[in-house]
């Protein structure tokens, strides 16, 4: 599962890493293409 999260969310990697691959980006840098590729936002 592809998980996309704002880089400012603390501990998102350790908490959700067991569920899939966590990708973080600064919130203002998340594009519509990033969202389309994600299973979870």
PDB file of N, CA and C in Angstrom:
ATOM      1  N   UNK A   1       0.848  -1.154   0.000  1.00  0.00           N
ATOM      2  CA  UNK A   1       0.000   0.000   0.000  1.00  0.00           C
ATOM      3  C   UNK A   1       0.906   1.233   0.000  1.00  0.00           C
ATOM      4  N   UNK A   2       0.556   2.214  -0.800  1.00  0.00           N
ATOM      5  CA  UNK A   2       1.308   3.467  -0.924  1.00  0.00           C
ATOM      6  C   UNK A   2       0.623   4.521  -0.057  1.00  0.00           C
ATOM      7  N   UNK A   3       1.320   4.953   0.985  1.00  0.00           N
ATOM      8  CA  UNK A   3       0.777   5.926   1.929  1.00  0.00           C
ATOM      9  C   UNK A   3       1.505   7.243   1.724  1.00  0.00           C
ATOM     10  N   UNK A   4       0.773   8.310   1.495  1.00  0.00           N
ATOM     11  CA  UNK A   4       1.342   9.641   1.308  1.00  0.00           C
ATOM     12  C   UNK A   4       0.932  10.513   2.480  1.00  0.00           C
ATOM     13  N   UNK A   5       1.916  11.165   3.100  1.00  0.00           N
ATOM     14  CA  UNK A   5       1.622  11.994   4.271  1.00  0.00           C
ATOM     15  C   UNK A   5       2.437  13.274   4.234  1.00  0.00           C
ATOM     16  N   UNK A   6       1.906  14.283   4.882  1.00  0.00           N
ATOM     17  CA  UNK A   6       2.622  15.543   5.060  1.00  0.00           C
ATOM     18  C   UNK A   6       3.838  15.271   5.947  1.00  0.00           C
ATOM     19  N   UNK A   7       4.982  15.789   5.557  1.00  0.00           N
ATOM     20  CA  UNK A   7       6.222  15.572   6.299  1.00  0.00           C
ATOM     21  C   UNK A   7       6.177  16.163   7.705  1.00  0.00           C
ATOM     22  N   UNK A   8       5.249  17.059   7.972  1.00  0.00           N
ATOM     23  CA  UNK A   8       5.153  17.685   9.289  1.00  0.00           C
ATOM     24  C   UNK A   8       4.364  16.861  10.302  1.00  0.00           C
ATOM     25  N   UNK A   9       3.811  15.738   9.879  1.00  0.00           N
ATOM     26  CA  UNK A   9       3.068  14.888  10.810  1.00  0.00           C
ATOM     27  C   UNK A   9       4.085  14.033  11.574  1.00  0.00           C
ATOM     28  N   UNK A  10       4.162  14.205  12.892  1.00  0.00           N
ATOM     29  CA  UNK A  10       5.158  13.454  13.657  1.00  0.00           C
ATOM     30  C   UNK A  10       4.858  11.956  13.682  1.00  0.00           C
ATOM     31  N   UNK A  11       5.917  11.151  13.614  1.00  0.00           N
ATOM     32  CA  UNK A  11       5.880   9.690  13.749  1.00  0.00           C
ATOM     33  C   UNK A  11       5.009   8.972  12.722  1.00  0.00           C
ATOM     34  N   UNK A  12       4.722   9.604  11.604  1.00  0.00           N
ATOM     35  CA  UNK A  12       3.867   8.955  10.603  1.00  0.00           C
ATOM     36  C   UNK A  12       4.541   7.694  10.047  1.00  0.00           C
ATOM     37  N   UNK A  13       5.840   7.733   9.848  1.00  0.00           N
ATOM     38  CA  UNK A  13       6.561   6.570   9.329  1.00  0.00           C
ATOM     39  C   UNK A  13       6.510   5.378  10.260  1.00  0.00           C
ATOM     40  N   UNK A  14       6.920   5.550  11.518  1.00  0.00           N
ATOM     41  CA  UNK A  14       6.880   4.418  12.440  1.00  0.00           C
ATOM     42  C   UNK A  14       5.467   3.875  12.692  1.00  0.00           C
ATOM     43  N   UNK A  15       4.486   4.748  12.712  1.00  0.00           N
ATOM     44  CA  UNK A  15       3.122   4.315  13.019  1.00  0.00           C
ATOM     45  C   UNK A  15       2.488   3.575  11.844  1.00  0.00           C
ATOM     46  N   UNK A  16       2.645   4.094  10.632  1.00  0.00           N
ATOM     47  CA  UNK A  16       1.971   3.511   9.471  1.00  0.00           C
ATOM     48  C   UNK A  16       2.875   2.642   8.606  1.00  0.00           C
ATOM     49  N   UNK A  17       4.163   2.590   8.924  1.00  0.00           N
ATOM     50  CA  UNK A  17       5.118   1.824   8.128  1.00  0.00           C
ATOM     51  C   UNK A  17       4.800   0.345   8.032  1.00  0.00           C
ATOM     52  N   UNK A  18       4.141  -0.201   9.042  1.00  0.00           N
ATOM     53  CA  UNK A  18       3.777  -1.620   9.017  1.00  0.00           C
ATOM     54  C   UNK A  18       2.675  -1.910   8.002  1.00  0.00           C
ATOM     55  N   UNK A  19       1.941  -0.885   7.611  1.00  0.00           N
ATOM     56  CA  UNK A  19       0.814  -1.076   6.698  1.00  0.00           C
ATOM     57  C   UNK A  19       1.202  -0.961   5.231  1.00  0.00           C
ATOM     58  N   UNK A  20       2.348  -0.334   4.962  1.00  0.00           N
ATOM     59  CA  UNK A  20       2.767  -0.147   3.577  1.00  0.00           C
ATOM     60  C   UNK A  20       3.966   0.771   3.499  1.00  0.00           C
ATOM     61  N   UNK A  21       4.222   1.262   2.311  1.00  0.00           N
ATOM     62  CA  UNK A  21       5.333   2.168   2.070  1.00  0.00           C
ATOM     63  C   UNK A  21       4.872   3.594   2.324  1.00  0.00           C
ATOM     64  N   UNK A  22       5.541   4.261   3.249  1.00  0.00           N
ATOM     65  CA  UNK A  22       5.172   5.624   3.614  1.00  0.00           C
ATOM     66  C   UNK A  22       6.067   6.604   2.863  1.00  0.00           C
ATOM     67  N   UNK A  23       5.446   7.513   2.141  1.00  0.00           N
ATOM     68  CA  UNK A  23       6.156   8.588   1.452  1.00  0.00           C
ATOM     69  C   UNK A  23       5.709   9.892   2.085  1.00  0.00           C
ATOM     70  N   UNK A  24       6.673  10.718   2.472  1.00  0.00           N
ATOM     71  CA  UNK A  24       6.335  12.010   3.054  1.00  0.00           C
ATOM     72  C   UNK A  24       6.854  13.128   2.164  1.00  0.00           C
ATOM     73  N   UNK A  25       6.084  14.181   2.094  1.00  0.00           N
ATOM     74  CA  UNK A  25       6.452  15.383   1.348  1.00  0.00           C
ATOM     75  C   UNK A  25       5.931  16.582   2.122  1.00  0.00           C
ATOM     76  N   UNK A  26       6.585  17.725   1.965  1.00  0.00           N
ATOM     77  CA  UNK A  26       6.011  18.930   2.570  1.00  0.00           C
ATOM     78  C   UNK A  26       4.590  19.128   2.033  1.00  0.00           C
ATOM     79  N   UNK A  27       3.678  19.492   2.901  1.00  0.00           N
ATOM     80  CA  UNK A  27       2.270  19.608   2.522  1.00  0.00           C
ATOM     81  C   UNK A  27       2.016  20.450   1.295  1.00  0.00           C
ATOM     82  N   UNK A  28       2.700  21.568   1.178  1.00  0.00           N
ATOM     83  CA  UNK A  28       2.489  22.453   0.030  1.00  0.00           C
ATOM     84  C   UNK A  28       3.096  21.898  -1.255  1.00  0.00           C
ATOM     85  N   UNK A  29       3.920  20.875  -1.143  1.00  0.00           N
ATOM     86  CA  UNK A  29       4.556  20.283  -2.318  1.00  0.00           C
ATOM     87  C   UNK A  29       3.806  19.061  -2.838  1.00  0.00           C
ATOM     88  N   UNK A  30       2.766  18.619  -2.131  1.00  0.00           N
ATOM     89  CA  UNK A  30       1.991  17.462  -2.577  1.00  0.00           C
ATOM     90  C   UNK A  30       1.135  17.882  -3.762  1.00  0.00           C
ATOM     91  N   UNK A  31       1.335  17.199  -4.879  1.00  0.00           N
ATOM     92  CA  UNK A  31       0.621  17.547  -6.111  1.00  0.00           C
ATOM     93  C   UNK A  31      -0.532  16.578  -6.354  1.00  0.00           C
ATOM     94  N   UNK A  32      -1.348  16.905  -7.330  1.00  0.00           N
ATOM     95  CA  UNK A  32      -2.462  16.014  -7.680  1.00  0.00           C
ATOM     96  C   UNK A  32      -1.935  14.677  -8.194  1.00  0.00           C
ATOM     97  N   UNK A  33      -0.797  14.684  -8.864  1.00  0.00           N
ATOM     98  CA  UNK A  33      -0.197  13.433  -9.342  1.00  0.00           C
ATOM     99  C   UNK A  33       0.226  12.556  -8.163  1.00  0.00           C
ATOM    100  N   UNK A  34       0.765  13.175  -7.112  1.00  0.00           N
ATOM    101  CA  UNK A  34       1.135  12.421  -5.910  1.00  0.00           C
ATOM    102  C   UNK A  34      -0.091  11.757  -5.301  1.00  0.00           C
ATOM    103  N   UNK A  35      -1.180  12.488  -5.233  1.00  0.00           N
ATOM    104  CA  UNK A  35      -2.412  11.977  -4.629  1.00  0.00           C
ATOM    105  C   UNK A  35      -2.993  10.841  -5.464  1.00  0.00           C
ATOM    106  N   UNK A  36      -2.930  10.948  -6.777  1.00  0.00           N
ATOM    107  CA  UNK A  36      -3.478   9.905  -7.647  1.00  0.00           C
ATOM    108  C   UNK A  36      -2.734   8.590  -7.471  1.00  0.00           C
ATOM    109  N   UNK A  37      -1.437   8.650  -7.175  1.00  0.00           N
ATOM    110  CA  UNK A  37      -0.637   7.436  -7.011  1.00  0.00           C
ATOM    111  C   UNK A  37      -0.797   6.815  -5.628  1.00  0.00           C
ATOM    112  N   UNK A  38      -1.316   7.574  -4.674  1.00  0.00           N
ATOM    113  CA  UNK A  38      -1.416   7.096  -3.293  1.00  0.00           C
ATOM    114  C   UNK A  38      -2.675   6.262  -3.076  1.00  0.00           C
ATOM    115  N   UNK A  39      -2.534   5.264  -2.206  1.00  0.00           N
ATOM    116  CA  UNK A  39      -3.694   4.493  -1.778  1.00  0.00           C
ATOM    117  C   UNK A  39      -4.334   5.141  -0.554  1.00  0.00           C
ATOM    118  N   UNK A  40      -3.497   5.779   0.260  1.00  0.00           N
ATOM    119  CA  UNK A  40      -3.958   6.433   1.484  1.00  0.00           C
ATOM    120  C   UNK A  40      -3.296   7.793   1.571  1.00  0.00           C
ATOM    121  N   UNK A  41      -4.070   8.792   1.955  1.00  0.00           N
ATOM    122  CA  UNK A  41      -3.539  10.148   2.116  1.00  0.00           C
ATOM    123  C   UNK A  41      -3.684  10.559   3.559  1.00  0.00           C
TER     124      UNK A  41
END
